C-alpha atoms as a PDB file:
ATOM      1  CA  MET A   1      64.138  -3.812 132.632  1.00  0.00           C
ATOM      2  CA  GLY A   2      62.674  -4.321 135.505  1.00  0.00           C
ATOM      3  CA  TYR A   3      61.413  -6.827 138.381  1.00  0.00           C
ATOM      4  CA  ARG A   4      57.889  -8.462 138.954  1.00  0.00           C
ATOM      5  CA  PRO A   5      55.907  -6.257 140.994  1.00  0.00           C
ATOM      6  CA  GLY A   6      55.226  -7.162 144.222  1.00  0.00           C
ATOM      7  CA  ASN A   7      57.821 -10.151 143.738  1.00  0.00           C
ATOM      8  CA  THR A   8      59.093 -10.706 147.501  1.00  0.00           C
ATOM      9  CA  THR A   9      60.312 -15.081 146.304  1.00  0.00           C
ATOM     10  CA  GLY A  10      63.590 -15.866 145.169  1.00  0.00           C
ATOM     11  CA  PHE A  11      64.998 -18.788 144.651  1.00  0.00           C
ATOM     12  CA  VAL A  12      68.674 -20.877 145.105  1.00  0.00           C
ATOM     13  CA  VAL A  13      71.197 -21.331 142.148  1.00  0.00           C
ATOM     14  CA  ALA A  14      74.491 -22.175 144.271  1.00  0.00           C
ATOM     15  CA  GLY A  15      74.708 -23.249 147.116  1.00  0.00           C
ATOM     16  CA  ASN A  16      71.991 -25.017 149.910  1.00  0.00           C
ATOM     17  CA  ASN A  17      74.024 -27.374 151.347  1.00  0.00           C
ATOM     18  CA  GLY A  18      74.530 -26.427 154.483  1.00  0.00           C
ATOM     19  CA  ALA A  19      77.928 -24.705 155.027  1.00  0.00           C
ATOM     20  CA  GLY A  20      80.962 -27.370 153.674  1.00  0.00           C
ATOM     21  CA  GLY A  21      84.113 -27.563 151.366  1.00  0.00           C
ATOM     22  CA  ASN A  22      82.395 -29.631 149.339  1.00  0.00           C
ATOM     23  CA  TYR A  23      82.044 -28.680 145.671  1.00  0.00           C
ATOM     24  CA  THR A  24      78.252 -28.542 146.354  1.00  0.00           C
ATOM     25  CA  GLN A  25      78.373 -26.083 149.701  1.00  0.00           C
ATOM     26  CA  LEU A  26      79.724 -22.866 149.858  1.00  0.00           C
ATOM     27  CA  ASN A  27      81.511 -21.721 153.919  1.00  0.00           C
ATOM     28  CA  GLY A  28      80.887 -18.053 153.528  1.00  0.00           C
ATOM     29  CA  PRO A  29      79.840 -16.664 150.644  1.00  0.00           C
ATOM     30  CA  ILE A  30      81.074 -13.046 150.914  1.00  0.00           C
ATOM     31  CA  ALA A  31      80.623 -11.280 147.592  1.00  0.00           C
ATOM     32  CA  ILE A  32      80.182 -12.195 143.941  1.00  0.00           C
ATOM     33  CA  TYR A  33      80.475 -11.209 140.657  1.00  0.00           C
ATOM     34  CA  PHE A  34      77.867 -12.472 137.472  1.00  0.00           C
ATOM     35  CA  ASP A  35      79.528 -13.263 134.211  1.00  0.00           C
ATOM     36  CA  SER A  36      77.492 -13.252 131.387  1.00  0.00           C
ATOM     37  CA  LEU A  37      80.504 -13.936 129.031  1.00  0.00           C
ATOM     38  CA  THR A  38      80.220 -17.270 131.547  1.00  0.00           C
ATOM     39  CA  ASN A  39      76.851 -17.539 132.481  1.00  0.00           C
ATOM     40  CA  SER A  40      78.398 -17.805 136.128  1.00  0.00           C
ATOM     41  CA  VAL A  41      78.061 -16.967 139.262  1.00  0.00           C
ATOM     42  CA  LEU A  42      81.911 -16.287 140.560  1.00  0.00           C
ATOM     43  CA  ILE A  43      81.915 -16.206 144.373  1.00  0.00           C
ATOM     44  CA  ALA A  44      84.171 -15.029 147.058  1.00  0.00           C
ATOM     45  CA  ILE A  45      84.141 -17.562 149.810  1.00  0.00           C
ATOM     46  CA  PHE A  46      85.083 -16.157 153.236  1.00  0.00           C
ATOM     47  CA  ASN A  47      86.138 -19.574 155.247  1.00  0.00           C
ATOM     48  CA  SER A  48      86.969 -21.273 152.428  1.00  0.00           C
ATOM     49  CA  HIS A  49      89.720 -19.060 151.581  1.00  0.00           C
ATOM     50  CA  ASN A  50      89.251 -19.348 147.570  1.00  0.00           C
ATOM     51  CA  ILE A  51      87.077 -18.469 145.314  1.00  0.00           C
ATOM     52  CA  VAL A  52      84.697 -21.150 142.668  1.00  0.00           C
ATOM     53  CA  ARG A  53      83.232 -20.339 139.902  1.00  0.00           C
ATOM     54  CA  TRP A  54      79.332 -21.812 140.412  1.00  0.00           C
ATOM     55  CA  THR A  55      77.983 -21.734 135.844  1.00  0.00           C
ATOM     56  CA  LEU A  56      74.095 -21.681 136.817  1.00  0.00           C
ATOM     57  CA  GLY A  57      71.772 -24.110 136.099  1.00  0.00           C
ATOM     58  CA  ALA A  58      74.933 -26.804 137.441  1.00  0.00           C
ATOM     59  CA  ASN A  59      74.410 -28.702 140.669  1.00  0.00           C
ATOM     60  CA  ASN A  60      78.461 -27.571 142.076  1.00  0.00           C
ATOM     61  CA  TRP A  61      81.528 -24.816 141.854  1.00  0.00           C
ATOM     62  CA  THR A  62      84.661 -24.476 139.939  1.00  0.00           C
ATOM     63  CA  LEU A  63      87.616 -23.727 142.014  1.00  0.00           C
ATOM     64  CA  VAL A  64      88.878 -20.099 139.989  1.00  0.00           C
ATOM     65  CA  VAL A  65      91.904 -19.540 142.501  1.00  0.00           C
ATOM     66  CA  GLY A  66      92.551 -19.861 145.975  1.00  0.00           C
ATOM     67  CA  SER A  67      92.894 -23.343 148.328  1.00  0.00           C
ATOM     68  CA  ILE A  68      90.234 -26.793 146.396  1.00  0.00           C
ATOM     69  CA  ASN A  69      90.444 -27.843 150.520  1.00  0.00           C
ATOM     70  CA  GLY A  70      89.887 -24.155 152.493  1.00  0.00           C
ATOM     71  CA  LEU A  71      93.282 -22.839 153.610  1.00  0.00           C
ATOM     72  CA  PRO A  72      93.854 -19.720 154.050  1.00  0.00           C
ATOM     73  CA  GLY A  73      97.708 -18.181 152.892  1.00  0.00           C
ATOM     74  CA  SER A  74      99.400 -15.700 151.782  1.00  0.00           C
ATOM     75  CA  THR A  75     101.501 -16.868 148.843  1.00  0.00           C
ATOM     76  CA  SER A  76     100.768 -16.056 145.218  1.00  0.00           C
ATOM     77  CA  THR A  77      97.939 -19.024 145.632  1.00  0.00           C
ATOM     78  CA  LEU A  78      96.460 -18.743 147.778  1.00  0.00           C
ATOM     79  CA  LEU A  79      93.898 -15.968 149.874  1.00  0.00           C
ATOM     80  CA  PHE A  80      93.184 -15.453 153.327  1.00  0.00           C
ATOM     81  CA  THR A  81      89.361 -14.696 153.731  1.00  0.00           C
ATOM     82  CA  PRO A  82      87.847 -13.348 149.950  1.00  0.00           C
ATOM     83  CA  THR A  83      85.768 -10.159 150.545  1.00  0.00           C
ATOM     84  CA  GLY A  84      85.953  -8.221 147.497  1.00  0.00           C
ATOM     85  CA  LEU A  85      86.100  -9.432 143.276  1.00  0.00           C
ATOM     86  CA  THR A  86      85.646  -7.992 140.094  1.00  0.00           C
ATOM     87  CA  LEU A  87      86.513  -9.288 136.512  1.00  0.00           C
ATOM     88  CA  ASP A  88      87.847  -6.704 133.792  1.00  0.00           C
ATOM     89  CA  PRO A  89      86.537  -6.697 130.204  1.00  0.00           C
ATOM     90  CA  MET A  90      89.444  -9.421 130.003  1.00  0.00           C
ATOM     91  CA  GLY A  91      88.755 -11.492 132.278  1.00  0.00           C
ATOM     92  CA  ASN A  92      91.402 -10.686 134.535  1.00  0.00           C
ATOM     93  CA  LEU A  93      90.025 -11.535 138.067  1.00  0.00           C
ATOM     94  CA  TYR A  94      90.839  -8.601 140.923  1.00  0.00           C
ATOM     95  CA  VAL A  95      90.948 -10.191 144.144  1.00  0.00           C
ATOM     96  CA  ALA A  96      90.440  -7.320 147.601  1.00  0.00           C
ATOM     97  CA  ASP A  97      92.891 -10.118 150.281  1.00  0.00           C
ATOM     98  CA  LEU A  98      91.656  -9.045 153.085  1.00  0.00           C
ATOM     99  CA  ALA A  99      93.779 -11.058 155.955  1.00  0.00           C
ATOM    100  CA  ASN A 100      96.828 -10.700 153.704  1.00  0.00           C
ATOM    101  CA  HIS A 101      95.700  -6.579 153.029  1.00  0.00           C
ATOM    102  CA  ARG A 102      96.682  -6.777 149.389  1.00  0.00           C
ATOM    103  CA  ILE A 103      94.817  -6.632 146.211  1.00  0.00           C
ATOM    104  CA  GLN A 104      95.194  -9.961 144.001  1.00  0.00           C
ATOM    105  CA  LEU A 105      95.039  -9.350 139.991  1.00  0.00           C
ATOM    106  CA  PHE A 106      95.203 -12.948 138.229  1.00  0.00           C
ATOM    107  CA  LEU A 107      95.362 -12.688 134.963  1.00  0.00           C
ATOM    108  CA  ASN A 108      93.014 -15.166 132.620  1.00  0.00           C
ATOM    109  CA  GLY A 109      92.834 -18.194 132.970  1.00  0.00           C
ATOM    110  CA  GLU A 110      95.866 -17.694 135.818  1.00  0.00           C
ATOM    111  CA  MET A 111      96.880 -19.542 139.040  1.00  0.00           C
ATOM    112  CA  ASN A 112      98.778 -17.564 140.477  1.00  0.00           C
ATOM    113  CA  ALA A 113      98.892 -13.611 140.905  1.00  0.00           C
ATOM    114  CA  THR A 114     100.791  -9.936 141.442  1.00  0.00           C
ATOM    115  CA  THR A 115      99.669  -8.019 144.390  1.00  0.00           C
ATOM    116  CA  ILE A 116      98.663  -5.054 142.613  1.00  0.00           C
ATOM    117  CA  ALA A 117      97.570  -2.995 145.879  1.00  0.00           C
ATOM    118  CA  GLY A 118      99.520  -3.256 149.241  1.00  0.00           C
ATOM    119  CA  LYS A 119     101.749  -5.483 151.167  1.00  0.00           C
ATOM    120  CA  THR A 120     100.627  -9.300 152.051  1.00  0.00           C
ATOM    121  CA  GLY A 121     100.113  -9.750 155.488  1.00  0.00           C
ATOM    122  CA  GLN A 122     101.514  -5.783 156.204  1.00  0.00           C
ATOM    123  CA  LEU A 123      98.709  -3.632 157.599  1.00  0.00           C
ATOM    124  CA  GLY A 124      99.107  -0.345 157.172  1.00  0.00           C
ATOM    125  CA  ASN A 125      97.832   4.209 156.391  1.00  0.00           C
ATOM    126  CA  ASP A 126     100.788   5.507 154.003  1.00  0.00           C
ATOM    127  CA  SER A 127      99.461   6.074 150.226  1.00  0.00           C
ATOM    128  CA  MET A 128     101.085   2.457 148.969  1.00  0.00           C
ATOM    129  CA  SER A 129      99.543   0.348 152.281  1.00  0.00           C
ATOM    130  CA  LEU A 130      96.167  -1.045 153.472  1.00  0.00           C
ATOM    131  CA  ASN A 131      94.798  -2.003 156.614  1.00  0.00           C
ATOM    132  CA  GLN A 132      91.788  -5.116 155.503  1.00  0.00           C
ATOM    133  CA  PRO A 133      90.457  -4.016 152.011  1.00  0.00           C
ATOM    134  CA  TYR A 134      87.373  -4.953 151.004  1.00  0.00           C
ATOM    135  CA  THR A 135      85.835  -3.733 148.253  1.00  0.00           C
ATOM    136  CA  ILE A 136      86.263  -2.998 145.260  1.00  0.00           C
ATOM    137  CA  ALA A 137      85.293  -2.001 141.693  1.00  0.00           C
ATOM    138  CA  LEU A 138      87.200  -0.451 138.809  1.00  0.00           C
ATOM    139  CA  ASP A 139      86.133   2.322 136.676  1.00  0.00           C
ATOM    140  CA  ASN A 140      85.979   2.322 132.712  1.00  0.00           C
ATOM    141  CA  GLN A 141      89.950   2.611 132.972  1.00  0.00           C
ATOM    142  CA  LEU A 142      90.555  -0.447 134.187  1.00  0.00           C
ATOM    143  CA  ASN A 143      91.740   2.206 137.677  1.00  0.00           C
ATOM    144  CA  LEU A 144      91.431   0.118 140.671  1.00  0.00           C
ATOM    145  CA  TYR A 145      89.139   1.590 144.029  1.00  0.00           C
ATOM    146  CA  VAL A 146      89.199  -0.395 146.884  1.00  0.00           C
ATOM    147  CA  ALA A 147      87.237   0.528 150.712  1.00  0.00           C
ATOM    148  CA  ASP A 148      90.400   0.632 152.882  1.00  0.00           C
ATOM    149  CA  ASN A 149      88.158  -0.528 155.049  1.00  0.00           C
ATOM    150  CA  HIS A 150      90.291   0.297 158.972  1.00  0.00           C
ATOM    151  CA  ASN A 151      92.037   2.532 157.361  1.00  0.00           C
ATOM    152  CA  HIS A 152      88.188   4.743 156.593  1.00  0.00           C
ATOM    153  CA  ARG A 153      88.983   5.178 153.594  1.00  0.00           C
ATOM    154  CA  ILE A 154      88.454   4.465 149.262  1.00  0.00           C
ATOM    155  CA  GLN A 155      92.105   4.635 147.782  1.00  0.00           C
ATOM    156  CA  LYS A 156      92.933   4.537 143.980  1.00  0.00           C
ATOM    157  CA  PHE A 157      94.534   2.952 142.468  1.00  0.00           C
ATOM    158  CA  LEU A 158      95.827   4.258 139.006  1.00  0.00           C
ATOM    159  CA  ARG A 159      95.993   1.025 136.140  1.00  0.00           C
ATOM    160  CA  TYR A 160      98.039  -1.689 136.493  1.00  0.00           C
END
């Protein structure tokens, strides 16, 4: 695989209609994950407090999790400045929920999450706490790695 030498231009695949909350706009996209099974991009939208799916070639997004109106929250269905996301092989969605100091697990097709790391709304520096988790990754055993931003560390959580 490669990219064309000297290629200096790209093209828009999502957004480009100004910042906002309607179905054709992205208001602070901060993280993406390409889902090859659906030929779409999952996008964490920082300022809208949600995760959306933009199928390549489409003109708009669909809500995956979070508020359709862009409102922050700390319940099992809401997010407060999501900054990182990934999928596991079963299609389950993991989200770094920065301002809630937690990692949320949304089972495939579900909009209610389980907090699998951190404590909702409580920052901390012990082994079960997070302080503004930023990005996340899974290894091949589905162990979760978290960039725990304000604790200046990478945390590893064993498979849930």
